[in-house]
């Protein structure tokens, strides 16, 4: 027996399918096959709901800007982490070089 889904459930499926399409740059069919089973609907039904939402203009196209901003933020953070990592590597190498040089000559050790 077919189940009835309210509009909120359909909108949730459509939003998750669209998010997956944007995030992974995959086709609508592939996104539906990934998302639909997790939400208890067939991939075909998810595809129909997504196509209907696009025809009716219910799909919000603001995601690429959000993704671009997040991508830029993550690139900056990634570069900062690389810089910090290089600094720590240099400090570690300097510290090892100085500590091993004096161990043999130091009468305290």
PDB file of N, CA and C in Angstrom:
ATOM      1  N   UNK A   1       0.842  -1.182   0.000  1.00  0.00           N
ATOM      2  CA  UNK A   1       0.000   0.000   0.000  1.00  0.00           C
ATOM      3  C   UNK A   1       0.885   1.242   0.000  1.00  0.00           C
ATOM      4  N   UNK A   2       0.661   2.172  -0.902  1.00  0.00           N
ATOM      5  CA  UNK A   2       1.465   3.395  -0.956  1.00  0.00           C
ATOM      6  C   UNK A   2       1.264   4.245   0.291  1.00  0.00           C
ATOM      7  N   UNK A   3       2.360   4.856   0.718  1.00  0.00           N
ATOM      8  CA  UNK A   3       2.284   5.755   1.870  1.00  0.00           C
ATOM      9  C   UNK A   3       2.108   7.173   1.374  1.00  0.00           C
ATOM     10  N   UNK A   4       1.464   7.988   2.178  1.00  0.00           N
ATOM     11  CA  UNK A   4       1.288   9.407   1.872  1.00  0.00           C
ATOM     12  C   UNK A   4       2.349  10.197   2.630  1.00  0.00           C
ATOM     13  N   UNK A   5       2.980  11.106   1.927  1.00  0.00           N
ATOM     14  CA  UNK A   5       3.979  11.971   2.535  1.00  0.00           C
ATOM     15  C   UNK A   5       3.460  13.396   2.505  1.00  0.00           C
ATOM     16  N   UNK A   6       3.646  14.102   3.617  1.00  0.00           N
ATOM     17  CA  UNK A   6       3.219  15.501   3.637  1.00  0.00           C
ATOM     18  C   UNK A   6       4.245  16.352   2.876  1.00  0.00           C
ATOM     19  N   UNK A   7       3.899  17.577   2.626  1.00  0.00           N
ATOM     20  CA  UNK A   7       4.752  18.458   1.815  1.00  0.00           C
ATOM     21  C   UNK A   7       6.098  18.716   2.481  1.00  0.00           C
ATOM     22  N   UNK A   8       6.124  18.763   3.817  1.00  0.00           N
ATOM     23  CA  UNK A   8       7.398  18.979   4.512  1.00  0.00           C
ATOM     24  C   UNK A   8       8.367  17.826   4.258  1.00  0.00           C
ATOM     25  N   UNK A   9       7.863  16.599   4.265  1.00  0.00           N
ATOM     26  CA  UNK A   9       8.710  15.443   3.998  1.00  0.00           C
ATOM     27  C   UNK A   9       9.232  15.478   2.561  1.00  0.00           C
ATOM     28  N   UNK A  10       8.379  15.840   1.638  1.00  0.00           N
ATOM     29  CA  UNK A  10       8.795  15.944   0.237  1.00  0.00           C
ATOM     30  C   UNK A  10       9.851  17.030   0.065  1.00  0.00           C
ATOM     31  N   UNK A  11       9.627  18.167   0.704  1.00  0.00           N
ATOM     32  CA  UNK A  11      10.586  19.277   0.618  1.00  0.00           C
ATOM     33  C   UNK A  11      11.940  18.875   1.211  1.00  0.00           C
ATOM     34  N   UNK A  12      11.903  18.088   2.276  1.00  0.00           N
ATOM     35  CA  UNK A  12      13.137  17.619   2.903  1.00  0.00           C
ATOM     36  C   UNK A  12      13.913  16.730   1.926  1.00  0.00           C
ATOM     37  N   UNK A  13      13.215  15.824   1.262  1.00  0.00           N
ATOM     38  CA  UNK A  13      13.866  14.947   0.289  1.00  0.00           C
ATOM     39  C   UNK A  13      14.473  15.775  -0.835  1.00  0.00           C
ATOM     40  N   UNK A  14      13.706  16.719  -1.356  1.00  0.00           N
ATOM     41  CA  UNK A  14      14.184  17.568  -2.451  1.00  0.00           C
ATOM     42  C   UNK A  14      15.413  18.353  -2.021  1.00  0.00           C
ATOM     43  N   UNK A  15      15.377  18.926  -0.826  1.00  0.00           N
ATOM     44  CA  UNK A  15      16.505  19.715  -0.330  1.00  0.00           C
ATOM     45  C   UNK A  15      17.765  18.844  -0.195  1.00  0.00           C
ATOM     46  N   UNK A  16      17.607  17.625   0.337  1.00  0.00           N
ATOM     47  CA  UNK A  16      18.758  16.745   0.499  1.00  0.00           C
ATOM     48  C   UNK A  16      19.311  16.286  -0.848  1.00  0.00           C
ATOM     49  N   UNK A  17      18.426  16.034  -1.805  1.00  0.00           N
ATOM     50  CA  UNK A  17      18.878  15.657  -3.149  1.00  0.00           C
ATOM     51  C   UNK A  17      19.646  16.814  -3.782  1.00  0.00           C
ATOM     52  N   UNK A  18      19.090  18.017  -3.704  1.00  0.00           N
ATOM     53  CA  UNK A  18      19.760  19.186  -4.293  1.00  0.00           C
ATOM     54  C   UNK A  18      21.096  19.457  -3.602  1.00  0.00           C
ATOM     55  N   UNK A  19      21.140  19.316  -2.294  1.00  0.00           N
ATOM     56  CA  UNK A  19      22.399  19.512  -1.568  1.00  0.00           C
ATOM     57  C   UNK A  19      23.450  18.506  -2.021  1.00  0.00           C
ATOM     58  N   UNK A  20      23.033  17.265  -2.194  1.00  0.00           N
ATOM     59  CA  UNK A  20      23.964  16.220  -2.623  1.00  0.00           C
ATOM     60  C   UNK A  20      24.477  16.494  -4.033  1.00  0.00           C
ATOM     61  N   UNK A  21      23.589  16.959  -4.916  1.00  0.00           N
ATOM     62  CA  UNK A  21      23.988  17.293  -6.286  1.00  0.00           C
ATOM     63  C   UNK A  21      25.053  18.382  -6.273  1.00  0.00           C
ATOM     64  N   UNK A  22      24.845  19.421  -5.478  1.00  0.00           N
ATOM     65  CA  UNK A  22      25.795  20.521  -5.418  1.00  0.00           C
ATOM     66  C   UNK A  22      27.102  20.129  -4.728  1.00  0.00           C
ATOM     67  N   UNK A  23      26.987  19.375  -3.649  1.00  0.00           N
ATOM     68  CA  UNK A  23      28.172  19.041  -2.865  1.00  0.00           C
ATOM     69  C   UNK A  23      29.103  18.081  -3.600  1.00  0.00           C
ATOM     70  N   UNK A  24      28.527  17.116  -4.317  1.00  0.00           N
ATOM     71  CA  UNK A  24      29.357  16.086  -4.932  1.00  0.00           C
ATOM     72  C   UNK A  24      29.416  16.188  -6.450  1.00  0.00           C
ATOM     73  N   UNK A  25      28.702  17.162  -7.012  1.00  0.00           N
ATOM     74  CA  UNK A  25      28.682  17.362  -8.458  1.00  0.00           C
ATOM     75  C   UNK A  25      28.298  16.076  -9.191  1.00  0.00           C
ATOM     76  N   UNK A  26      27.166  15.506  -8.795  1.00  0.00           N
ATOM     77  CA  UNK A  26      26.677  14.275  -9.399  1.00  0.00           C
ATOM     78  C   UNK A  26      25.326  14.532 -10.045  1.00  0.00           C
ATOM     79  N   UNK A  27      24.833  13.558 -10.783  1.00  0.00           N
ATOM     80  CA  UNK A  27      23.552  13.703 -11.466  1.00  0.00           C
ATOM     81  C   UNK A  27      22.403  13.599 -10.468  1.00  0.00           C
ATOM     82  N   UNK A  28      21.227  14.030 -10.934  1.00  0.00           N
ATOM     83  CA  UNK A  28      20.048  13.941 -10.081  1.00  0.00           C
ATOM     84  C   UNK A  28      19.742  12.480  -9.762  1.00  0.00           C
ATOM     85  N   UNK A  29      19.863  11.609 -10.724  1.00  0.00           N
ATOM     86  CA  UNK A  29      19.563  10.202 -10.509  1.00  0.00           C
ATOM     87  C   UNK A  29      20.493   9.601  -9.459  1.00  0.00           C
ATOM     88  N   UNK A  30      21.774   9.887  -9.561  1.00  0.00           N
ATOM     89  CA  UNK A  30      22.734   9.360  -8.586  1.00  0.00           C
ATOM     90  C   UNK A  30      22.446   9.902  -7.189  1.00  0.00           C
ATOM     91  N   UNK A  31      22.121  11.181  -7.109  1.00  0.00           N
ATOM     92  CA  UNK A  31      21.809  11.770  -5.806  1.00  0.00           C
ATOM     93  C   UNK A  31      20.556  11.142  -5.215  1.00  0.00           C
ATOM     94  N   UNK A  32      19.563  10.917  -6.044  1.00  0.00           N
ATOM     95  CA  UNK A  32      18.324  10.298  -5.565  1.00  0.00           C
ATOM     96  C   UNK A  32      18.577   8.874  -5.081  1.00  0.00           C
ATOM     97  N   UNK A  33      19.435   8.146  -5.783  1.00  0.00           N
ATOM     98  CA  UNK A  33      19.739   6.774  -5.376  1.00  0.00           C
ATOM     99  C   UNK A  33      20.497   6.725  -4.053  1.00  0.00           C
ATOM    100  N   UNK A  34      21.203   7.777  -3.720  1.00  0.00           N
ATOM    101  CA  UNK A  34      21.918   7.840  -2.444  1.00  0.00           C
ATOM    102  C   UNK A  34      20.987   8.275  -1.313  1.00  0.00           C
ATOM    103  N   UNK A  35      20.193   9.314  -1.566  1.00  0.00           N
ATOM    104  CA  UNK A  35      19.396   9.946  -0.509  1.00  0.00           C
ATOM    105  C   UNK A  35      18.116   9.176  -0.204  1.00  0.00           C
ATOM    106  N   UNK A  36      17.414   8.749  -1.235  1.00  0.00           N
ATOM    107  CA  UNK A  36      16.067   8.187  -1.068  1.00  0.00           C
ATOM    108  C   UNK A  36      15.989   6.994  -0.117  1.00  0.00           C
ATOM    109  N   UNK A  37      16.848   5.987  -0.234  1.00  0.00           N
ATOM    110  CA  UNK A  37      16.716   4.843   0.675  1.00  0.00           C
ATOM    111  C   UNK A  37      16.864   5.211   2.153  1.00  0.00           C
ATOM    112  N   UNK A  38      17.658   6.226   2.424  1.00  0.00           N
ATOM    113  CA  UNK A  38      17.847   6.654   3.805  1.00  0.00           C
ATOM    114  C   UNK A  38      16.590   7.289   4.379  1.00  0.00           C
ATOM    115  N   UNK A  39      15.713   7.779   3.495  1.00  0.00           N
ATOM    116  CA  UNK A  39      14.508   8.471   3.938  1.00  0.00           C
ATOM    117  C   UNK A  39      13.241   7.643   3.719  1.00  0.00           C
ATOM    118  N   UNK A  40      13.404   6.418   3.259  1.00  0.00           N
ATOM    119  CA  UNK A  40      12.264   5.524   3.130  1.00  0.00           C
ATOM    120  C   UNK A  40      11.412   5.748   1.902  1.00  0.00           C
ATOM    121  N   UNK A  41      11.978   6.290   0.840  1.00  0.00           N
ATOM    122  CA  UNK A  41      11.249   6.453  -0.415  1.00  0.00           C
ATOM    123  C   UNK A  41      12.086   5.838  -1.530  1.00  0.00           C
ATOM    124  N   UNK A  42      11.456   5.554  -2.651  1.00  0.00           N
ATOM    125  CA  UNK A  42      12.211   5.023  -3.776  1.00  0.00           C
ATOM    126  C   UNK A  42      12.958   6.162  -4.462  1.00  0.00           C
ATOM    127  N   UNK A  43      14.022   5.815  -5.158  1.00  0.00           N
ATOM    128  CA  UNK A  43      14.798   6.851  -5.835  1.00  0.00           C
ATOM    129  C   UNK A  43      13.970   7.479  -6.939  1.00  0.00           C
ATOM    130  N   UNK A  44      13.076   6.703  -7.541  1.00  0.00           N
ATOM    131  CA  UNK A  44      12.232   7.221  -8.611  1.00  0.00           C
ATOM    132  C   UNK A  44      11.281   8.305  -8.069  1.00  0.00           C
ATOM    133  N   UNK A  45      10.728   8.047  -6.897  1.00  0.00           N
ATOM    134  CA  UNK A  45       9.833   9.021  -6.267  1.00  0.00           C
ATOM    135  C   UNK A  45      10.593  10.293  -5.909  1.00  0.00           C
ATOM    136  N   UNK A  46      11.787  10.133  -5.369  1.00  0.00           N
ATOM    137  CA  UNK A  46      12.609  11.302  -5.025  1.00  0.00           C
ATOM    138  C   UNK A  46      12.922  12.120  -6.273  1.00  0.00           C
ATOM    139  N   UNK A  47      13.194  11.439  -7.377  1.00  0.00           N
ATOM    140  CA  UNK A  47      13.481  12.139  -8.630  1.00  0.00           C
ATOM    141  C   UNK A  47      12.258  12.900  -9.115  1.00  0.00           C
ATOM    142  N   UNK A  48      11.090  12.276  -9.020  1.00  0.00           N
ATOM    143  CA  UNK A  48       9.849  12.951  -9.435  1.00  0.00           C
ATOM    144  C   UNK A  48       9.592  14.185  -8.587  1.00  0.00           C
ATOM    145  N   UNK A  49       9.771  14.079  -7.279  1.00  0.00           N
ATOM    146  CA  UNK A  49       9.556  15.230  -6.394  1.00  0.00           C
ATOM    147  C   UNK A  49      10.545  16.341  -6.711  1.00  0.00           C
ATOM    148  N   UNK A  50      11.796  15.981  -6.985  1.00  0.00           N
ATOM    149  CA  UNK A  50      12.815  16.990  -7.288  1.00  0.00           C
ATOM    150  C   UNK A  50      12.513  17.680  -8.611  1.00  0.00           C
ATOM    151  N   UNK A  51      12.118  16.911  -9.608  1.00  0.00           N
ATOM    152  CA  UNK A  51      11.761  17.504 -10.895  1.00  0.00           C
ATOM    153  C   UNK A  51      10.558  18.435 -10.764  1.00  0.00           C
ATOM    154  N   UNK A  52       9.560  18.026  -9.987  1.00  0.00           N
ATOM    155  CA  UNK A  52       8.375  18.862  -9.777  1.00  0.00           C
ATOM    156  C   UNK A  52       8.739  20.154  -9.056  1.00  0.00           C
ATOM    157  N   UNK A  53       9.607  20.049  -8.057  1.00  0.00           N
ATOM    158  CA  UNK A  53      10.026  21.237  -7.312  1.00  0.00           C
ATOM    159  C   UNK A  53      10.775  22.203  -8.222  1.00  0.00           C
ATOM    160  N   UNK A  54      11.596  21.679  -9.114  1.00  0.00           N
ATOM    161  CA  UNK A  54      12.309  22.542 -10.051  1.00  0.00           C
ATOM    162  C   UNK A  54      11.349  23.214 -11.021  1.00  0.00           C
ATOM    163  N   UNK A  55      10.368  22.471 -11.523  1.00  0.00           N
ATOM    164  CA  UNK A  55       9.385  23.060 -12.442  1.00  0.00           C
ATOM    165  C   UNK A  55       8.581  24.161 -11.773  1.00  0.00           C
ATOM    166  N   UNK A  56       8.254  23.954 -10.499  1.00  0.00           N
ATOM    167  CA  UNK A  56       7.438  24.914  -9.757  1.00  0.00           C
ATOM    168  C   UNK A  56       8.274  26.044  -9.160  1.00  0.00           C
ATOM    169  N   UNK A  57       9.578  25.993  -9.311  1.00  0.00           N
ATOM    170  CA  UNK A  57      10.434  27.057  -8.796  1.00  0.00           C
ATOM    171  C   UNK A  57      10.627  27.022  -7.294  1.00  0.00           C
ATOM    172  N   UNK A  58      10.434  25.866  -6.681  1.00  0.00           N
ATOM    173  CA  UNK A  58      10.584  25.760  -5.227  1.00  0.00           C
ATOM    174  C   UNK A  58      12.008  25.454  -4.800  1.00  0.00           C
ATOM    175  N   UNK A  59      12.896  25.238  -5.746  1.00  0.00           N
ATOM    176  CA  UNK A  59      14.284  24.945  -5.410  1.00  0.00           C
ATOM    177  C   UNK A  59      15.031  26.259  -5.300  1.00  0.00           C
ATOM    178  N   UNK A  60      15.662  26.473  -4.169  1.00  0.00           N
ATOM    179  CA  UNK A  60      16.397  27.705  -3.911  1.00  0.00           C
ATOM    180  C   UNK A  60      17.789  27.567  -4.525  1.00  0.00           C
ATOM    181  N   UNK A  61      18.186  28.529  -5.329  1.00  0.00           N
ATOM    182  CA  UNK A  61      19.468  28.489  -6.022  1.00  0.00           C
ATOM    183  C   UNK A  61      20.567  29.253  -5.284  1.00  0.00           C
ATOM    184  N   UNK A  62      20.392  29.544  -4.006  1.00  0.00           N
ATOM    185  CA  UNK A  62      21.389  30.317  -3.275  1.00  0.00           C
ATOM    186  C   UNK A  62      22.548  29.466  -2.780  1.00  0.00           C
ATOM    187  N   UNK A  63      22.463  28.184  -2.930  1.00  0.00           N
ATOM    188  CA  UNK A  63      23.497  27.304  -2.414  1.00  0.00           C
ATOM    189  C   UNK A  63      24.868  27.525  -3.037  1.00  0.00           C
ATOM    190  N   UNK A  64      25.003  27.708  -4.356  1.00  0.00           N
ATOM    191  CA  UNK A  64      26.354  27.879  -4.888  1.00  0.00           C
ATOM    192  C   UNK A  64      27.109  29.039  -4.264  1.00  0.00           C
ATOM    193  N   UNK A  65      26.437  30.148  -3.970  1.00  0.00           N
ATOM    194  CA  UNK A  65      27.112  31.262  -3.309  1.00  0.00           C
ATOM    195  C   UNK A  65      27.550  30.863  -1.908  1.00  0.00           C
ATOM    196  N   UNK A  66      26.678  30.151  -1.190  1.00  0.00           N
ATOM    197  CA  UNK A  66      27.037  29.693   0.142  1.00  0.00           C
ATOM    198  C   UNK A  66      28.214  28.737   0.071  1.00  0.00           C
ATOM    199  N   UNK A  67      28.185  27.844  -0.905  1.00  0.00           N
ATOM    200  CA  UNK A  67      29.282  26.902  -1.058  1.00  0.00           C
ATOM    201  C   UNK A  67      30.573  27.608  -1.452  1.00  0.00           C
ATOM    202  N   UNK A  68      30.477  28.616  -2.282  1.00  0.00           N
ATOM    203  CA  UNK A  68      31.669  29.366  -2.682  1.00  0.00           C
ATOM    204  C   UNK A  68      32.272  30.091  -1.483  1.00  0.00           C
ATOM    205  N   UNK A  69      31.426  30.677  -0.659  1.00  0.00           N
ATOM    206  CA  UNK A  69      31.921  31.370   0.533  1.00  0.00           C
ATOM    207  C   UNK A  69      32.550  30.381   1.509  1.00  0.00           C
ATOM    208  N   UNK A  70      31.900  29.243   1.689  1.00  0.00           N
ATOM    209  CA  UNK A  70      32.454  28.232   2.587  1.00  0.00           C
ATOM    210  C   UNK A  70      33.761  27.679   2.026  1.00  0.00           C
ATOM    211  N   UNK A  71      33.805  27.477   0.722  1.00  0.00           N
ATOM    212  CA  UNK A  71      35.022  26.989   0.088  1.00  0.00           C
ATOM    213  C   UNK A  71      36.172  27.968   0.293  1.00  0.00           C
ATOM    214  N   UNK A  72      35.909  29.252   0.127  1.00  0.00           N
ATOM    215  CA  UNK A  72      36.946  30.266   0.338  1.00  0.00           C
ATOM    216  C   UNK A  72      37.417  30.268   1.789  1.00  0.00           C
ATOM    217  N   UNK A  73      36.473  30.159   2.721  1.00  0.00           N
ATOM    218  CA  UNK A  73      36.824  30.129   4.138  1.00  0.00           C
ATOM    219  C   UNK A  73      37.680  28.904   4.454  1.00  0.00           C
ATOM    220  N   UNK A  74      37.304  27.749   3.904  1.00  0.00           N
ATOM    221  CA  UNK A  74      38.059  26.529   4.165  1.00  0.00           C
ATOM    222  C   UNK A  74      39.444  26.572   3.527  1.00  0.00           C
ATOM    223  N   UNK A  75      39.566  27.213   2.369  1.00  0.00           N
ATOM    224  CA  UNK A  75      40.878  27.358   1.737  1.00  0.00           C
ATOM    225  C   UNK A  75      41.800  28.227   2.595  1.00  0.00           C
ATOM    226  N   UNK A  76      41.247  29.328   3.138  1.00  0.00           N
ATOM    227  CA  UNK A  76      42.049  30.187   4.018  1.00  0.00           C
ATOM    228  C   UNK A  76      42.477  29.410   5.264  1.00  0.00           C
ATOM    229  N   UNK A  77      41.538  28.697   5.861  1.00  0.00           N
ATOM    230  CA  UNK A  77      41.845  27.929   7.065  1.00  0.00           C
ATOM    231  C   UNK A  77      42.887  26.846   6.761  1.00  0.00           C
ATOM    232  N   UNK A  78      42.759  26.210   5.610  1.00  0.00           N
ATOM    233  CA  UNK A  78      43.709  25.184   5.203  1.00  0.00           C
ATOM    234  C   UNK A  78      45.112  25.768   5.052  1.00  0.00           C
ATOM    235  N   UNK A  79      45.209  26.945   4.454  1.00  0.00           N
ATOM    236  CA  UNK A  79      46.519  27.579   4.285  1.00  0.00           C
ATOM    237  C   UNK A  79      47.115  27.961   5.638  1.00  0.00           C
ATOM    238  N   UNK A  80      46.289  28.461   6.552  1.00  0.00           N
ATOM    239  CA  UNK A  80      46.777  28.794   7.891  1.00  0.00           C
ATOM    240  C   UNK A  80      47.303  27.551   8.595  1.00  0.00           C
ATOM    241  N   UNK A  81      46.598  26.429   8.444  1.00  0.00           N
ATOM    242  CA  UNK A  81      47.038  25.187   9.070  1.00  0.00           C
ATOM    243  C   UNK A  81      48.338  24.681   8.442  1.00  0.00           C
ATOM    244  N   UNK A  82      48.482  24.833   7.138  1.00  0.00           N
ATOM    245  CA  UNK A  82      49.743  24.455   6.483  1.00  0.00           C
ATOM    246  C   UNK A  82      50.899  25.298   7.009  1.00  0.00           C
ATOM    247  N   UNK A  83      50.659  26.608   7.118  1.00  0.00           N
ATOM    248  CA  UNK A  83      51.705  27.498   7.625  1.00  0.00           C
ATOM    249  C   UNK A  83      52.099  27.121   9.050  1.00  0.00           C
ATOM    250  N   UNK A  84      51.109  26.863   9.882  1.00  0.00           N
ATOM    251  CA  UNK A  84      51.378  26.470  11.263  1.00  0.00           C
ATOM    252  C   UNK A  84      52.135  25.155  11.312  1.00  0.00           C
ATOM    253  N   UNK A  85      51.748  24.210  10.466  1.00  0.00           N
ATOM    254  CA  UNK A  85      52.415  22.922  10.422  1.00  0.00           C
ATOM    255  C   UNK A  85      53.878  23.072  10.020  1.00  0.00           C
ATOM    256  N   UNK A  86      54.146  23.900   9.030  1.00  0.00           N
ATOM    257  CA  UNK A  86      55.533  24.140   8.611  1.00  0.00           C
ATOM    258  C   UNK A  86      56.339  24.782   9.728  1.00  0.00           C
ATOM    259  N   UNK A  87      55.737  25.726  10.435  1.00  0.00           N
ATOM    260  CA  UNK A  87      56.412  26.372  11.562  1.00  0.00           C
ATOM    261  C   UNK A  87      56.740  25.354  12.648  1.00  0.00           C
ATOM    262  N   UNK A  88      55.795  24.478  12.947  1.00  0.00           N
ATOM    263  CA  UNK A  88      56.035  23.461  13.977  1.00  0.00           C
ATOM    264  C   UNK A  88      57.093  22.460  13.540  1.00  0.00           C
ATOM    265  N   UNK A  89      57.119  22.103  12.270  1.00  0.00           N
ATOM    266  CA  UNK A  89      58.165  21.203  11.765  1.00  0.00           C
ATOM    267  C   UNK A  89      59.539  21.846  11.907  1.00  0.00           C
ATOM    268  N   UNK A  90      59.636  23.123  11.544  1.00  0.00           N
ATOM    269  CA  UNK A  90      60.913  23.829  11.644  1.00  0.00           C
ATOM    270  C   UNK A  90      61.356  23.941  13.095  1.00  0.00           C
ATOM    271  N   UNK A  91      60.431  24.260  13.973  1.00  0.00           N
ATOM    272  CA  UNK A  91      60.768  24.380  15.394  1.00  0.00           C
ATOM    273  C   UNK A  91      61.171  23.031  15.966  1.00  0.00           C
ATOM    274  N   UNK A  92      60.513  21.980  15.550  1.00  0.00           N
ATOM    275  CA  UNK A  92      60.837  20.646  16.030  1.00  0.00           C
ATOM    276  C   UNK A  92      62.224  20.223  15.560  1.00  0.00           C
ATOM    277  N   UNK A  93      62.535  20.479  14.297  1.00  0.00           N
ATOM    278  CA  UNK A  93      63.862  20.141  13.770  1.00  0.00           C
ATOM    279  C   UNK A  93      64.945  20.936  14.483  1.00  0.00           C
ATOM    280  N   UNK A  94      64.709  22.204  14.725  1.00  0.00           N
ATOM    281  CA  UNK A  94      65.668  23.050  15.422  1.00  0.00           C
ATOM    282  C   UNK A  94      65.865  22.548  16.846  1.00  0.00           C
ATOM    283  N   UNK A  95      64.786  22.194  17.514  1.00  0.00           N
ATOM    284  CA  UNK A  95      64.857  21.730  18.895  1.00  0.00           C
ATOM    285  C   UNK A  95      65.613  20.402  18.981  1.00  0.00           C
ATOM    286  N   UNK A  96      65.361  19.474  18.080  1.00  0.00           N
ATOM    287  CA  UNK A  96      66.067  18.187  18.092  1.00  0.00           C
ATOM    288  C   UNK A  96      67.560  18.371  17.823  1.00  0.00           C
ATOM    289  N   UNK A  97      67.882  19.249  16.892  1.00  0.00           N
ATOM    290  CA  UNK A  97      69.284  19.466  16.529  1.00  0.00           C
ATOM    291  C   UNK A  97      70.053  20.038  17.725  1.00  0.00           C
ATOM    292  N   UNK A  98      69.469  20.981  18.436  1.00  0.00           N
ATOM    293  CA  UNK A  98      70.154  21.590  19.586  1.00  0.00           C
ATOM    294  C   UNK A  98      70.209  20.646  20.775  1.00  0.00           C
ATOM    295  N   UNK A  99      69.192  19.862  21.010  1.00  0.00           N
ATOM    296  CA  UNK A  99      69.182  19.006  22.187  1.00  0.00           C
ATOM    297  C   UNK A  99      70.135  17.827  22.030  1.00  0.00           C
ATOM    298  N   UNK A 100      70.287  17.278  20.826  1.00  0.00           N
ATOM    299  CA  UNK A 100      71.180  16.137  20.646  1.00  0.00           C
ATOM    300  C   UNK A 100      72.644  16.557  20.592  1.00  0.00           C
ATOM    301  N   UNK A 101      72.908  17.767  20.191  1.00  0.00           N
ATOM    302  CA  UNK A 101      74.284  18.236  20.084  1.00  0.00           C
ATOM    303  C   UNK A 101      74.905  18.387  21.472  1.00  0.00           C
ATOM    304  N   UNK A 102      74.195  18.878  22.444  1.00  0.00           N
ATOM    305  CA  UNK A 102      74.751  19.177  23.762  1.00  0.00           C
ATOM    306  C   UNK A 102      74.666  18.018  24.744  1.00  0.00           C
ATOM    307  N   UNK A 103      73.938  16.959  24.438  1.00  0.00           N
ATOM    308  CA  UNK A 103      73.750  15.870  25.395  1.00  0.00           C
ATOM    309  C   UNK A 103      75.068  15.180  25.697  1.00  0.00           C
ATOM    310  N   UNK A 104      75.863  14.910  24.675  1.00  0.00           N
ATOM    311  CA  UNK A 104      77.137  14.186  24.890  1.00  0.00           C
ATOM    312  C   UNK A 104      78.163  15.014  25.640  1.00  0.00           C
ATOM    313  N   UNK A 105      78.186  16.317  25.517  1.00  0.00           N
ATOM    314  CA  UNK A 105      79.185  17.179  26.132  1.00  0.00           C
ATOM    315  C   UNK A 105      78.760  17.721  27.486  1.00  0.00           C
ATOM    316  N   UNK A 106      77.517  17.565  27.839  1.00  0.00           N
ATOM    317  CA  UNK A 106      76.993  18.153  29.069  1.00  0.00           C
ATOM    318  C   UNK A 106      77.270  17.194  30.231  1.00  0.00           C
ATOM    319  N   UNK A 107      78.047  17.613  31.240  1.00  0.00           N
ATOM    320  CA  UNK A 107      78.359  16.729  32.372  1.00  0.00           C
ATOM    321  C   UNK A 107      77.146  16.458  33.257  1.00  0.00           C
ATOM    322  N   UNK A 108      76.103  17.252  33.150  1.00  0.00           N
ATOM    323  CA  UNK A 108      74.934  17.041  33.994  1.00  0.00           C
ATOM    324  C   UNK A 108      74.176  15.796  33.573  1.00  0.00           C
ATOM    325  N   UNK A 109      74.139  15.496  32.284  1.00  0.00           N
ATOM    326  CA  UNK A 109      73.383  14.324  31.800  1.00  0.00           C
ATOM    327  C   UNK A 109      74.117  13.095  32.004  1.00  0.00           C
TER     328      UNK A 109
END
